Amino acid sequence: MDKSVFSIVSLSEESDDKEYWHAKTPQERLEAVELMRQINYGYDPTTTRLQRVLKIAQTHIKLYAN
């Protein structure tokens, strides 16, 4: 682990997070939000898509089975 990236600060000190994010483009900010959402919820677009296709295929088979 690269420990030079981390710093320890007091919670009472103001951070430079606002300046950092204001310096980013709206597209970069949205990409960061999407990445954090995927990490937080364990989102995997490949498996989500496969489950949806399988569900549609099973529904289609049931309609013609009767």
N, C-alpha and C. Protein backbone atom coordinates (compact mmCIF):
# COMPACT_ATOMS: atom_id res chain seq x y z
N MET A 1 0.85 -1.18 0.00
CA MET A 1 0.00 0.00 0.00
C MET A 1 0.89 1.24 0.00
N ASP A 2 0.53 2.18 -0.82
CA ASP A 2 1.27 3.42 -0.90
C ASP A 2 0.76 4.37 0.18
N LYS A 3 1.51 4.50 1.27
CA LYS A 3 1.07 5.31 2.40
C LYS A 3 1.31 6.80 2.18
N SER A 4 1.97 7.17 1.10
CA SER A 4 2.20 8.59 0.84
C SER A 4 0.93 9.28 0.35
N VAL A 5 -0.06 8.51 -0.05
CA VAL A 5 -1.31 9.07 -0.57
C VAL A 5 -2.22 9.51 0.57
N PHE A 6 -2.09 8.91 1.72
CA PHE A 6 -2.97 9.17 2.85
C PHE A 6 -2.41 10.27 3.75
N SER A 7 -3.33 10.99 4.38
CA SER A 7 -2.92 11.97 5.37
C SER A 7 -3.92 11.93 6.52
N ILE A 8 -3.43 12.28 7.69
CA ILE A 8 -4.28 12.29 8.88
C ILE A 8 -4.52 13.74 9.26
N VAL A 9 -5.80 14.09 9.35
CA VAL A 9 -6.16 15.46 9.70
C VAL A 9 -7.23 15.44 10.77
N SER A 10 -7.39 16.54 11.43
CA SER A 10 -8.42 16.69 12.44
C SER A 10 -9.77 16.91 11.76
N LEU A 11 -10.83 16.43 12.36
CA LEU A 11 -12.16 16.62 11.79
C LEU A 11 -12.61 18.07 11.86
N SER A 12 -11.99 18.85 12.72
CA SER A 12 -12.37 20.26 12.84
C SER A 12 -11.72 21.11 11.74
N GLU A 13 -10.70 20.58 11.06
CA GLU A 13 -10.08 21.33 9.98
C GLU A 13 -10.93 21.26 8.72
N GLU A 14 -10.93 22.34 7.95
CA GLU A 14 -11.66 22.33 6.67
C GLU A 14 -10.87 21.53 5.65
N SER A 15 -11.58 20.74 4.89
CA SER A 15 -10.90 19.95 3.87
C SER A 15 -10.95 20.70 2.54
N ASP A 16 -10.15 20.23 1.60
CA ASP A 16 -10.14 20.84 0.28
C ASP A 16 -10.98 20.02 -0.70
N ASP A 17 -11.90 19.21 -0.20
CA ASP A 17 -12.74 18.37 -1.06
C ASP A 17 -13.58 19.21 -2.03
N LYS A 18 -14.15 20.30 -1.54
CA LYS A 18 -14.97 21.14 -2.41
C LYS A 18 -14.16 21.68 -3.58
N GLU A 19 -12.98 22.16 -3.28
CA GLU A 19 -12.12 22.69 -4.35
C GLU A 19 -11.78 21.60 -5.35
N TYR A 20 -11.48 20.42 -4.85
CA TYR A 20 -11.13 19.30 -5.74
C TYR A 20 -12.28 18.98 -6.69
N TRP A 21 -13.49 18.84 -6.14
CA TRP A 21 -14.63 18.46 -6.98
C TRP A 21 -15.10 19.59 -7.88
N HIS A 22 -14.95 20.82 -7.45
CA HIS A 22 -15.30 21.95 -8.32
C HIS A 22 -14.34 22.07 -9.49
N ALA A 23 -13.12 21.57 -9.32
CA ALA A 23 -12.14 21.61 -10.40
C ALA A 23 -12.43 20.54 -11.46
N LYS A 24 -13.23 19.53 -11.12
CA LYS A 24 -13.57 18.46 -12.06
C LYS A 24 -14.73 18.89 -12.96
N THR A 25 -14.79 18.29 -14.13
CA THR A 25 -15.90 18.56 -15.05
C THR A 25 -17.15 17.84 -14.54
N PRO A 26 -18.33 18.28 -14.96
CA PRO A 26 -19.55 17.56 -14.56
C PRO A 26 -19.51 16.08 -14.97
N GLN A 27 -18.93 15.77 -16.12
CA GLN A 27 -18.83 14.39 -16.57
C GLN A 27 -17.96 13.57 -15.61
N GLU A 28 -16.83 14.14 -15.17
CA GLU A 28 -15.95 13.44 -14.23
C GLU A 28 -16.63 13.23 -12.89
N ARG A 29 -17.42 14.20 -12.46
CA ARG A 29 -18.14 14.05 -11.19
C ARG A 29 -19.19 12.96 -11.28
N LEU A 30 -19.93 12.91 -12.39
CA LEU A 30 -20.93 11.85 -12.56
C LEU A 30 -20.28 10.47 -12.62
N GLU A 31 -19.15 10.37 -13.29
CA GLU A 31 -18.44 9.10 -13.35
C GLU A 31 -17.99 8.66 -11.96
N ALA A 32 -17.54 9.60 -11.14
CA ALA A 32 -17.11 9.28 -9.78
C ALA A 32 -18.30 8.82 -8.93
N VAL A 33 -19.44 9.48 -9.08
CA VAL A 33 -20.64 9.08 -8.35
C VAL A 33 -21.07 7.68 -8.76
N GLU A 34 -21.04 7.40 -10.06
CA GLU A 34 -21.43 6.09 -10.55
C GLU A 34 -20.49 5.01 -10.02
N LEU A 35 -19.20 5.29 -10.00
CA LEU A 35 -18.23 4.33 -9.47
C LEU A 35 -18.49 4.06 -7.99
N MET A 36 -18.72 5.11 -7.21
CA MET A 36 -19.00 4.92 -5.78
C MET A 36 -20.30 4.15 -5.57
N ARG A 37 -21.30 4.39 -6.41
CA ARG A 37 -22.56 3.66 -6.30
C ARG A 37 -22.34 2.18 -6.59
N GLN A 38 -21.57 1.89 -7.63
CA GLN A 38 -21.30 0.50 -7.98
C GLN A 38 -20.51 -0.21 -6.88
N ILE A 39 -19.54 0.48 -6.30
CA ILE A 39 -18.77 -0.11 -5.21
C ILE A 39 -19.66 -0.35 -3.99
N ASN A 40 -20.50 0.61 -3.67
CA ASN A 40 -21.34 0.52 -2.49
C ASN A 40 -22.39 -0.58 -2.60
N TYR A 41 -23.01 -0.71 -3.75
CA TYR A 41 -24.10 -1.67 -3.91
C TYR A 41 -23.68 -2.96 -4.61
N GLY A 42 -22.42 -3.09 -4.96
CA GLY A 42 -21.95 -4.30 -5.61
C GLY A 42 -22.56 -4.50 -6.98
N TYR A 43 -22.77 -3.45 -7.69
CA TYR A 43 -23.42 -3.49 -8.99
C TYR A 43 -22.50 -4.09 -10.04
N ASP A 44 -22.99 -5.06 -10.78
CA ASP A 44 -22.25 -5.64 -11.89
C ASP A 44 -23.17 -5.65 -13.10
N PRO A 45 -22.94 -4.76 -14.08
CA PRO A 45 -23.87 -4.65 -15.20
C PRO A 45 -24.00 -5.94 -16.02
N THR A 46 -22.99 -6.77 -16.05
CA THR A 46 -23.06 -8.01 -16.82
C THR A 46 -24.06 -8.98 -16.21
N THR A 47 -23.99 -9.21 -14.92
CA THR A 47 -24.91 -10.16 -14.30
C THR A 47 -26.33 -9.62 -14.25
N THR A 48 -26.47 -8.33 -14.07
CA THR A 48 -27.81 -7.75 -14.06
C THR A 48 -28.48 -7.95 -15.41
N ARG A 49 -27.77 -7.73 -16.45
CA ARG A 49 -28.33 -7.88 -17.80
C ARG A 49 -28.68 -9.34 -18.08
N LEU A 50 -27.84 -10.27 -17.68
CA LEU A 50 -28.10 -11.68 -17.92
C LEU A 50 -29.35 -12.14 -17.17
N GLN A 51 -29.53 -11.68 -15.95
CA GLN A 51 -30.71 -12.08 -15.19
C GLN A 51 -31.97 -11.58 -15.87
N ARG A 52 -31.95 -10.39 -16.40
CA ARG A 52 -33.12 -9.83 -17.06
C ARG A 52 -33.46 -10.64 -18.31
N VAL A 53 -32.48 -10.99 -19.11
CA VAL A 53 -32.70 -11.77 -20.32
C VAL A 53 -33.27 -13.13 -19.97
N LEU A 54 -32.74 -13.76 -18.94
CA LEU A 54 -33.23 -15.07 -18.52
C LEU A 54 -34.68 -14.97 -18.07
N LYS A 55 -35.03 -13.93 -17.35
CA LYS A 55 -36.40 -13.77 -16.88
C LYS A 55 -37.36 -13.61 -18.06
N ILE A 56 -36.99 -12.83 -19.04
CA ILE A 56 -37.83 -12.65 -20.23
C ILE A 56 -37.99 -13.96 -20.98
N ALA A 57 -36.91 -14.72 -21.12
CA ALA A 57 -36.97 -15.99 -21.83
C ALA A 57 -37.88 -16.97 -21.10
N GLN A 58 -37.83 -17.02 -19.79
CA GLN A 58 -38.67 -17.92 -19.03
C GLN A 58 -40.14 -17.51 -19.15
N THR A 59 -40.42 -16.23 -19.13
CA THR A 59 -41.79 -15.76 -19.28
C THR A 59 -42.33 -16.12 -20.66
N HIS A 60 -41.51 -15.99 -21.67
CA HIS A 60 -41.90 -16.32 -23.05
C HIS A 60 -42.23 -17.81 -23.17
N ILE A 61 -41.47 -18.65 -22.56
CA ILE A 61 -41.71 -20.10 -22.62
C ILE A 61 -43.01 -20.45 -21.93
N LYS A 62 -43.29 -19.81 -20.82
CA LYS A 62 -44.52 -20.10 -20.07
C LYS A 62 -45.77 -19.76 -20.90
N LEU A 63 -45.70 -18.70 -21.68
CA LEU A 63 -46.86 -18.31 -22.48
C LEU A 63 -47.22 -19.38 -23.50
N TYR A 64 -46.24 -20.00 -24.12
CA TYR A 64 -46.50 -20.99 -25.15
C TYR A 64 -46.67 -22.39 -24.59
N ALA A 65 -46.35 -22.62 -23.34
CA ALA A 65 -46.47 -23.95 -22.74
C ALA A 65 -47.93 -24.28 -22.45
N ASN A 66 -48.77 -23.29 -22.23
CA ASN A 66 -50.17 -23.55 -21.89
C ASN A 66 -51.01 -23.76 -23.08
